[in-house]
Amino acid sequence: MPWTLTPRRYFRLSLLMPFVLPAIVGTLYGVSGRALGKPPDMVVLLVASVVIGGVPYAVVASALGVLARRRGVRGLLAIGMATPIIFAFALGLFAVLAGAFSGKSPSPADIVGTLRWCTICALLFGYAYVVLALMGFGVLHRIGWIANQEG
C-alpha cells in the first residue's frame, strides 16, 4: 500500500464525522431527492444535529483532537467511548446558557426537559458515530489502509 493512516490520525479524523456525514446526506438529498418531496426524518435529524449541536461539538472535538495527540490505540478507544458523555454535558451546558442569554426566563421544568432532551440526543447520536468510526477502523485496518503501529 503506497500510503496508510496511523490509528491516531484515523481517530482524530473520525471526530469530523458528525459534520461530514450530515453534509454528505444533506447534499445527496438536496441534489437527488427534491423530486421526492419532503425529506425523510433521518435526513432532517442529521442536518438538525449539526445546526443544534455544531458549536458545542466543535469545541469538544477540538479539545479531544488535542488530547488524542500522544495516545495509543487503547487511549484513543477510551477517548472515543467517553466522547458522547463529554458532549452530552457540553450540549446541555450550551443549551442552558443559550436559554439564559435569550432574554427569557425558563422554568426549572424547562431546564430539566432541555437537559434530558440534549442528553438523550447526544448519547444516541454520539454512540452511533462511535460505532460507525469503529466499524470504519476495522474495515480500513483489515484492507491495510491503517497501519498496525503508530508511525
Foldseek 3Di string as FASTA:
>chain_A
DVAAAALLRLLLVLLCVLVVVLVVLLVVCVVPVVVVPDDDPVNVVSVVCCVLQVPLSVVLSVVVNVVSPPDDPVVSLVCLVCSLVVSLVSSLVVVVVCVVVPPDDDDPVVSVVSSVVSSVVSVVVSVVSSVVSVVVVVVCVVVPRYDPHGD
